[in-house]
Amino acid sequence: MQLTITGQHLDLTDALKSYVTEKLGRVDHYFDHVIDGHAVLRYMAHEKLSNSAEVTVHAPGHTFHAESEDQDMYAAIDLLADKLEAQVRSHKEKLTDRRNDHQVPLTAAAETD
């Protein structure tokens, strides 16, 4: 997955970039058709929960979006990754349920009676 990380009112360190890449890389474990993603990390000094993380991930036929806020940026990224992972897992389960939903033909059902 190609991931673009942007920081607003925040210096992006290599440690922060690698942490975001590692956490959002878990999405590939569930859904390997992800095209790209864009993460925005914000520091908002005037807010009670001053750190905000937001991500948008594009996959064929669907776009995933998640946001989170916390006092600690790393905690906000953890919450964000959990939300995104839940969305991707739910989407994948829907896809596999539709593929495995086989209906019994009427002739086979009549023969068993």
N, C-alpha and C. Protein backbone atom coordinates (compact mmCIF):
# COMPACT_ATOMS: atom_id res chain seq x y z
N MET A 1 0.85 -1.17 0.00
CA MET A 1 0.00 0.00 0.00
C MET A 1 0.90 1.24 0.00
N GLN A 2 0.57 2.15 -0.87
CA GLN A 2 1.28 3.43 -0.93
C GLN A 2 0.62 4.36 0.09
N LEU A 3 1.37 4.83 1.06
CA LEU A 3 0.83 5.65 2.14
C LEU A 3 1.51 7.01 2.16
N THR A 4 0.70 8.06 2.13
CA THR A 4 1.19 9.43 2.22
C THR A 4 0.85 9.95 3.61
N ILE A 5 1.84 10.47 4.32
CA ILE A 5 1.63 10.97 5.68
C ILE A 5 1.90 12.47 5.68
N THR A 6 0.94 13.23 6.21
CA THR A 6 1.04 14.68 6.27
C THR A 6 0.89 15.12 7.72
N GLY A 7 1.65 16.11 8.13
CA GLY A 7 1.54 16.67 9.47
C GLY A 7 1.11 18.12 9.40
N GLN A 8 0.15 18.49 10.22
CA GLN A 8 -0.31 19.88 10.29
C GLN A 8 -0.02 20.40 11.69
N HIS A 9 0.74 21.48 11.76
CA HIS A 9 1.16 22.10 13.01
C HIS A 9 1.95 21.11 13.86
N LEU A 10 2.74 20.28 13.16
CA LEU A 10 3.42 19.19 13.81
C LEU A 10 4.64 18.81 12.97
N ASP A 11 5.77 18.58 13.62
CA ASP A 11 6.96 18.09 12.92
C ASP A 11 6.87 16.57 12.85
N LEU A 12 6.87 16.04 11.64
CA LEU A 12 6.83 14.59 11.46
C LEU A 12 8.23 14.02 11.63
N THR A 13 8.42 13.25 12.66
CA THR A 13 9.70 12.59 12.87
C THR A 13 9.70 11.25 12.16
N ASP A 14 10.87 10.68 11.97
CA ASP A 14 10.96 9.37 11.34
C ASP A 14 10.28 8.31 12.19
N ALA A 15 10.37 8.45 13.51
CA ALA A 15 9.73 7.48 14.41
C ALA A 15 8.22 7.53 14.25
N LEU A 16 7.66 8.73 14.13
CA LEU A 16 6.22 8.88 13.97
C LEU A 16 5.76 8.32 12.62
N LYS A 17 6.52 8.59 11.58
CA LYS A 17 6.19 8.06 10.26
C LYS A 17 6.22 6.53 10.24
N SER A 18 7.26 5.96 10.82
CA SER A 18 7.37 4.50 10.83
C SER A 18 6.28 3.87 11.68
N TYR A 19 5.87 4.53 12.76
CA TYR A 19 4.80 4.02 13.61
C TYR A 19 3.47 3.99 12.85
N VAL A 20 3.18 5.07 12.13
CA VAL A 20 1.95 5.13 11.33
C VAL A 20 1.99 4.06 10.24
N THR A 21 3.11 3.92 9.56
CA THR A 21 3.24 2.92 8.51
C THR A 21 3.06 1.51 9.06
N GLU A 22 3.64 1.25 10.21
CA GLU A 22 3.51 -0.07 10.83
C GLU A 22 2.07 -0.37 11.23
N LYS A 23 1.41 0.59 11.88
CA LYS A 23 0.04 0.37 12.35
C LYS A 23 -0.95 0.24 11.20
N LEU A 24 -0.82 1.08 10.19
CA LEU A 24 -1.75 1.03 9.07
C LEU A 24 -1.41 -0.10 8.10
N GLY A 25 -0.23 -0.65 8.23
CA GLY A 25 0.15 -1.80 7.43
C GLY A 25 -0.62 -3.05 7.80
N ARG A 26 -1.24 -3.05 8.98
CA ARG A 26 -2.06 -4.19 9.39
C ARG A 26 -3.27 -4.37 8.49
N VAL A 27 -3.67 -3.31 7.79
CA VAL A 27 -4.81 -3.39 6.88
C VAL A 27 -4.52 -4.39 5.76
N ASP A 28 -3.28 -4.45 5.32
CA ASP A 28 -2.91 -5.39 4.26
C ASP A 28 -3.10 -6.84 4.68
N HIS A 29 -3.07 -7.10 5.98
CA HIS A 29 -3.28 -8.45 6.49
C HIS A 29 -4.70 -8.94 6.21
N TYR A 30 -5.66 -8.03 6.28
CA TYR A 30 -7.06 -8.39 6.08
C TYR A 30 -7.53 -8.21 4.65
N PHE A 31 -7.03 -7.19 3.99
CA PHE A 31 -7.54 -6.83 2.67
C PHE A 31 -6.36 -6.40 1.84
N ASP A 32 -5.89 -7.25 0.95
CA ASP A 32 -4.66 -6.98 0.21
C ASP A 32 -4.86 -6.20 -1.08
N HIS A 33 -6.07 -5.75 -1.34
CA HIS A 33 -6.34 -5.01 -2.57
C HIS A 33 -6.34 -3.50 -2.35
N VAL A 34 -5.71 -3.03 -1.31
CA VAL A 34 -5.68 -1.61 -1.01
C VAL A 34 -4.78 -0.90 -2.00
N ILE A 35 -5.29 0.18 -2.59
CA ILE A 35 -4.54 0.92 -3.60
C ILE A 35 -3.58 1.91 -2.94
N ASP A 36 -4.14 2.84 -2.18
CA ASP A 36 -3.31 3.84 -1.53
C ASP A 36 -4.03 4.39 -0.31
N GLY A 37 -3.29 5.18 0.46
CA GLY A 37 -3.86 5.79 1.67
C GLY A 37 -3.23 7.14 1.93
N HIS A 38 -3.97 7.97 2.64
CA HIS A 38 -3.47 9.29 3.00
C HIS A 38 -3.78 9.52 4.48
N ALA A 39 -2.74 9.72 5.27
CA ALA A 39 -2.90 9.95 6.71
C ALA A 39 -2.54 11.41 7.02
N VAL A 40 -3.35 12.02 7.87
CA VAL A 40 -3.11 13.40 8.30
C VAL A 40 -3.03 13.40 9.82
N LEU A 41 -1.91 13.88 10.35
CA LEU A 41 -1.72 14.00 11.79
C LEU A 41 -1.73 15.48 12.13
N ARG A 42 -2.56 15.86 13.10
CA ARG A 42 -2.71 17.27 13.46
C ARG A 42 -2.44 17.49 14.94
N TYR A 43 -1.85 18.63 15.23
CA TYR A 43 -1.73 19.10 16.60
C TYR A 43 -2.60 20.34 16.71
N MET A 44 -3.60 20.29 17.60
CA MET A 44 -4.52 21.41 17.79
C MET A 44 -4.37 21.91 19.23
N ALA A 45 -3.67 23.00 19.40
CA ALA A 45 -3.34 23.50 20.73
C ALA A 45 -4.57 23.99 21.49
N HIS A 46 -5.59 24.41 20.80
CA HIS A 46 -6.77 24.99 21.45
C HIS A 46 -7.80 23.95 21.89
N GLU A 47 -7.59 22.69 21.57
CA GLU A 47 -8.54 21.63 21.90
C GLU A 47 -8.11 20.88 23.16
N LYS A 48 -9.09 20.28 23.84
CA LYS A 48 -8.79 19.47 25.02
C LYS A 48 -8.01 18.22 24.63
N LEU A 49 -8.51 17.50 23.63
CA LEU A 49 -7.78 16.37 23.05
C LEU A 49 -6.97 16.93 21.88
N SER A 50 -5.73 17.27 22.16
CA SER A 50 -4.98 18.12 21.24
C SER A 50 -4.38 17.42 20.03
N ASN A 51 -4.36 16.10 20.00
CA ASN A 51 -3.79 15.39 18.86
C ASN A 51 -4.88 14.67 18.09
N SER A 52 -4.85 14.83 16.79
CA SER A 52 -5.86 14.24 15.93
C SER A 52 -5.17 13.47 14.81
N ALA A 53 -5.73 12.31 14.49
CA ALA A 53 -5.22 11.50 13.38
C ALA A 53 -6.39 11.13 12.49
N GLU A 54 -6.16 11.18 11.20
CA GLU A 54 -7.21 10.91 10.21
C GLU A 54 -6.58 10.15 9.05
N VAL A 55 -7.30 9.17 8.52
CA VAL A 55 -6.78 8.41 7.39
C VAL A 55 -7.91 8.10 6.43
N THR A 56 -7.57 8.13 5.15
CA THR A 56 -8.47 7.72 4.07
C THR A 56 -7.72 6.70 3.23
N VAL A 57 -8.33 5.54 3.06
CA VAL A 57 -7.71 4.44 2.31
C VAL A 57 -8.63 4.07 1.16
N HIS A 58 -8.05 3.98 -0.03
CA HIS A 58 -8.82 3.65 -1.22
C HIS A 58 -8.55 2.20 -1.62
N ALA A 59 -9.64 1.47 -1.86
CA ALA A 59 -9.58 0.10 -2.36
C ALA A 59 -10.54 0.03 -3.54
N PRO A 60 -10.40 -0.96 -4.39
CA PRO A 60 -11.31 -1.06 -5.53
C PRO A 60 -12.77 -1.18 -5.08
N GLY A 61 -13.57 -0.19 -5.45
CA GLY A 61 -14.99 -0.22 -5.13
C GLY A 61 -15.36 0.31 -3.77
N HIS A 62 -14.39 0.73 -2.95
CA HIS A 62 -14.73 1.20 -1.61
C HIS A 62 -13.65 2.14 -1.09
N THR A 63 -14.06 3.11 -0.30
CA THR A 63 -13.14 4.03 0.36
C THR A 63 -13.38 3.94 1.86
N PHE A 64 -12.32 3.74 2.62
CA PHE A 64 -12.40 3.66 4.07
C PHE A 64 -11.88 4.96 4.67
N HIS A 65 -12.54 5.43 5.73
CA HIS A 65 -12.13 6.68 6.37
C HIS A 65 -12.29 6.51 7.88
N ALA A 66 -11.30 6.96 8.64
CA ALA A 66 -11.37 6.89 10.09
C ALA A 66 -10.68 8.11 10.69
N GLU A 67 -11.18 8.53 11.85
CA GLU A 67 -10.61 9.66 12.58
C GLU A 67 -10.53 9.31 14.05
N SER A 68 -9.55 9.90 14.75
CA SER A 68 -9.47 9.72 16.20
C SER A 68 -8.74 10.91 16.81
N GLU A 69 -9.01 11.12 18.09
CA GLU A 69 -8.37 12.20 18.84
C GLU A 69 -7.95 11.67 20.19
N ASP A 70 -6.82 12.19 20.71
CA ASP A 70 -6.34 11.79 22.01
C ASP A 70 -5.30 12.80 22.48
N GLN A 71 -4.96 12.74 23.76
CA GLN A 71 -3.91 13.60 24.30
C GLN A 71 -2.55 13.23 23.72
N ASP A 72 -2.33 11.93 23.54
CA ASP A 72 -1.06 11.42 23.03
C ASP A 72 -1.21 11.05 21.55
N MET A 73 -0.29 11.46 20.71
CA MET A 73 -0.38 11.19 19.28
C MET A 73 -0.31 9.70 18.99
N TYR A 74 0.53 8.98 19.71
CA TYR A 74 0.64 7.55 19.49
C TYR A 74 -0.65 6.82 19.87
N ALA A 75 -1.31 7.27 20.91
CA ALA A 75 -2.60 6.69 21.29
C ALA A 75 -3.66 6.99 20.23
N ALA A 76 -3.63 8.19 19.67
CA ALA A 76 -4.57 8.56 18.60
C ALA A 76 -4.34 7.67 17.37
N ILE A 77 -3.09 7.38 17.06
CA ILE A 77 -2.78 6.52 15.92
C ILE A 77 -3.26 5.09 16.20
N ASP A 78 -3.10 4.61 17.43
CA ASP A 78 -3.59 3.28 17.79
C ASP A 78 -5.10 3.18 17.62
N LEU A 79 -5.83 4.19 18.11
CA LEU A 79 -7.29 4.21 17.96
C LEU A 79 -7.68 4.24 16.50
N LEU A 80 -6.98 5.03 15.73
CA LEU A 80 -7.23 5.15 14.30
C LEU A 80 -7.03 3.81 13.59
N ALA A 81 -5.94 3.14 13.91
CA ALA A 81 -5.65 1.85 13.28
C ALA A 81 -6.72 0.82 13.65
N ASP A 82 -7.18 0.84 14.90
CA ASP A 82 -8.23 -0.10 15.32
C ASP A 82 -9.54 0.15 14.58
N LYS A 83 -9.91 1.42 14.43
CA LYS A 83 -11.14 1.76 13.71
C LYS A 83 -11.06 1.34 12.25
N LEU A 84 -9.94 1.64 11.63
CA LEU A 84 -9.76 1.30 10.23
C LEU A 84 -9.75 -0.22 10.03
N GLU A 85 -9.08 -0.91 10.92
CA GLU A 85 -9.02 -2.37 10.84
C GLU A 85 -10.41 -2.99 10.98
N ALA A 86 -11.23 -2.44 11.86
CA ALA A 86 -12.60 -2.93 12.03
C ALA A 86 -13.42 -2.71 10.77
N GLN A 87 -13.26 -1.56 10.13
CA GLN A 87 -13.99 -1.28 8.89
C GLN A 87 -13.57 -2.25 7.78
N VAL A 88 -12.29 -2.46 7.65
CA VAL A 88 -11.78 -3.33 6.59
C VAL A 88 -12.21 -4.78 6.85
N ARG A 89 -12.14 -5.21 8.10
CA ARG A 89 -12.56 -6.57 8.44
C ARG A 89 -14.04 -6.77 8.15
N SER A 90 -14.86 -5.80 8.51
CA SER A 90 -16.30 -5.87 8.25
C SER A 90 -16.58 -5.93 6.75
N HIS A 91 -15.88 -5.11 5.98
CA HIS A 91 -16.06 -5.10 4.53
C HIS A 91 -15.66 -6.44 3.91
N LYS A 92 -14.56 -7.00 4.38
CA LYS A 92 -14.09 -8.27 3.86
C LYS A 92 -15.07 -9.39 4.20
N GLU A 93 -15.62 -9.36 5.41
CA GLU A 93 -16.60 -10.37 5.80
C GLU A 93 -17.86 -10.29 4.94
N LYS A 94 -18.28 -9.07 4.61
CA LYS A 94 -19.44 -8.91 3.74
C LYS A 94 -19.16 -9.50 2.36
N LEU A 95 -17.96 -9.25 1.84
CA LEU A 95 -17.61 -9.79 0.53
C LEU A 95 -17.57 -11.31 0.53
N THR A 96 -16.97 -11.89 1.55
CA THR A 96 -16.88 -13.36 1.58
C THR A 96 -18.23 -13.99 1.85
N ASP A 97 -19.11 -13.34 2.62
CA ASP A 97 -20.44 -13.88 2.87
C ASP A 97 -21.25 -13.92 1.58
N ARG A 98 -21.12 -12.91 0.76
CA ARG A 98 -21.86 -12.87 -0.50
C ARG A 98 -21.36 -13.93 -1.48
N ARG A 99 -20.08 -14.17 -1.47
CA ARG A 99 -19.52 -15.16 -2.38
C ARG A 99 -19.91 -16.58 -1.97
N ASN A 100 -20.04 -16.83 -0.68
CA ASN A 100 -20.32 -18.17 -0.20
C ASN A 100 -21.80 -18.44 0.02
N ASP A 101 -22.64 -17.52 -0.37
CA ASP A 101 -24.08 -17.68 -0.17
C ASP A 101 -24.65 -18.45 -1.36
N HIS A 102 -24.60 -19.77 -1.27
CA HIS A 102 -25.09 -20.62 -2.34
C HIS A 102 -26.52 -21.03 -2.04
N GLN A 103 -27.37 -20.87 -3.00
CA GLN A 103 -28.75 -21.29 -2.83
C GLN A 103 -28.91 -22.68 -3.43
N VAL A 104 -29.73 -23.49 -2.80
CA VAL A 104 -29.99 -24.83 -3.28
C VAL A 104 -30.96 -24.74 -4.44
N PRO A 105 -30.64 -25.36 -5.58
CA PRO A 105 -31.57 -25.33 -6.72
C PRO A 105 -32.90 -26.00 -6.35
N LEU A 106 -33.97 -25.57 -6.99
CA LEU A 106 -35.30 -26.09 -6.67
C LEU A 106 -35.41 -27.58 -6.98
N THR A 107 -34.75 -28.06 -8.02
CA THR A 107 -34.84 -29.48 -8.36
C THR A 107 -34.18 -30.34 -7.30
N ALA A 108 -33.06 -29.88 -6.74
CA ALA A 108 -32.39 -30.64 -5.69
C ALA A 108 -33.22 -30.65 -4.41
N ALA A 109 -33.89 -29.52 -4.12
CA ALA A 109 -34.73 -29.45 -2.92
C ALA A 109 -35.95 -30.35 -3.09
N ALA A 110 -36.50 -30.47 -4.27
CA ALA A 110 -37.67 -31.31 -4.51
C ALA A 110 -37.32 -32.78 -4.40
N GLU A 111 -36.10 -33.15 -4.81
CA GLU A 111 -35.69 -34.55 -4.78
C GLU A 111 -35.48 -35.03 -3.36
N THR A 112 -35.08 -34.15 -2.44
CA THR A 112 -34.83 -34.55 -1.07
C THR A 112 -36.11 -34.76 -0.27
N ASP A 113 -37.22 -34.21 -0.73
CA ASP A 113 -38.50 -34.33 0.00
C ASP A 113 -39.14 -35.63 -0.19
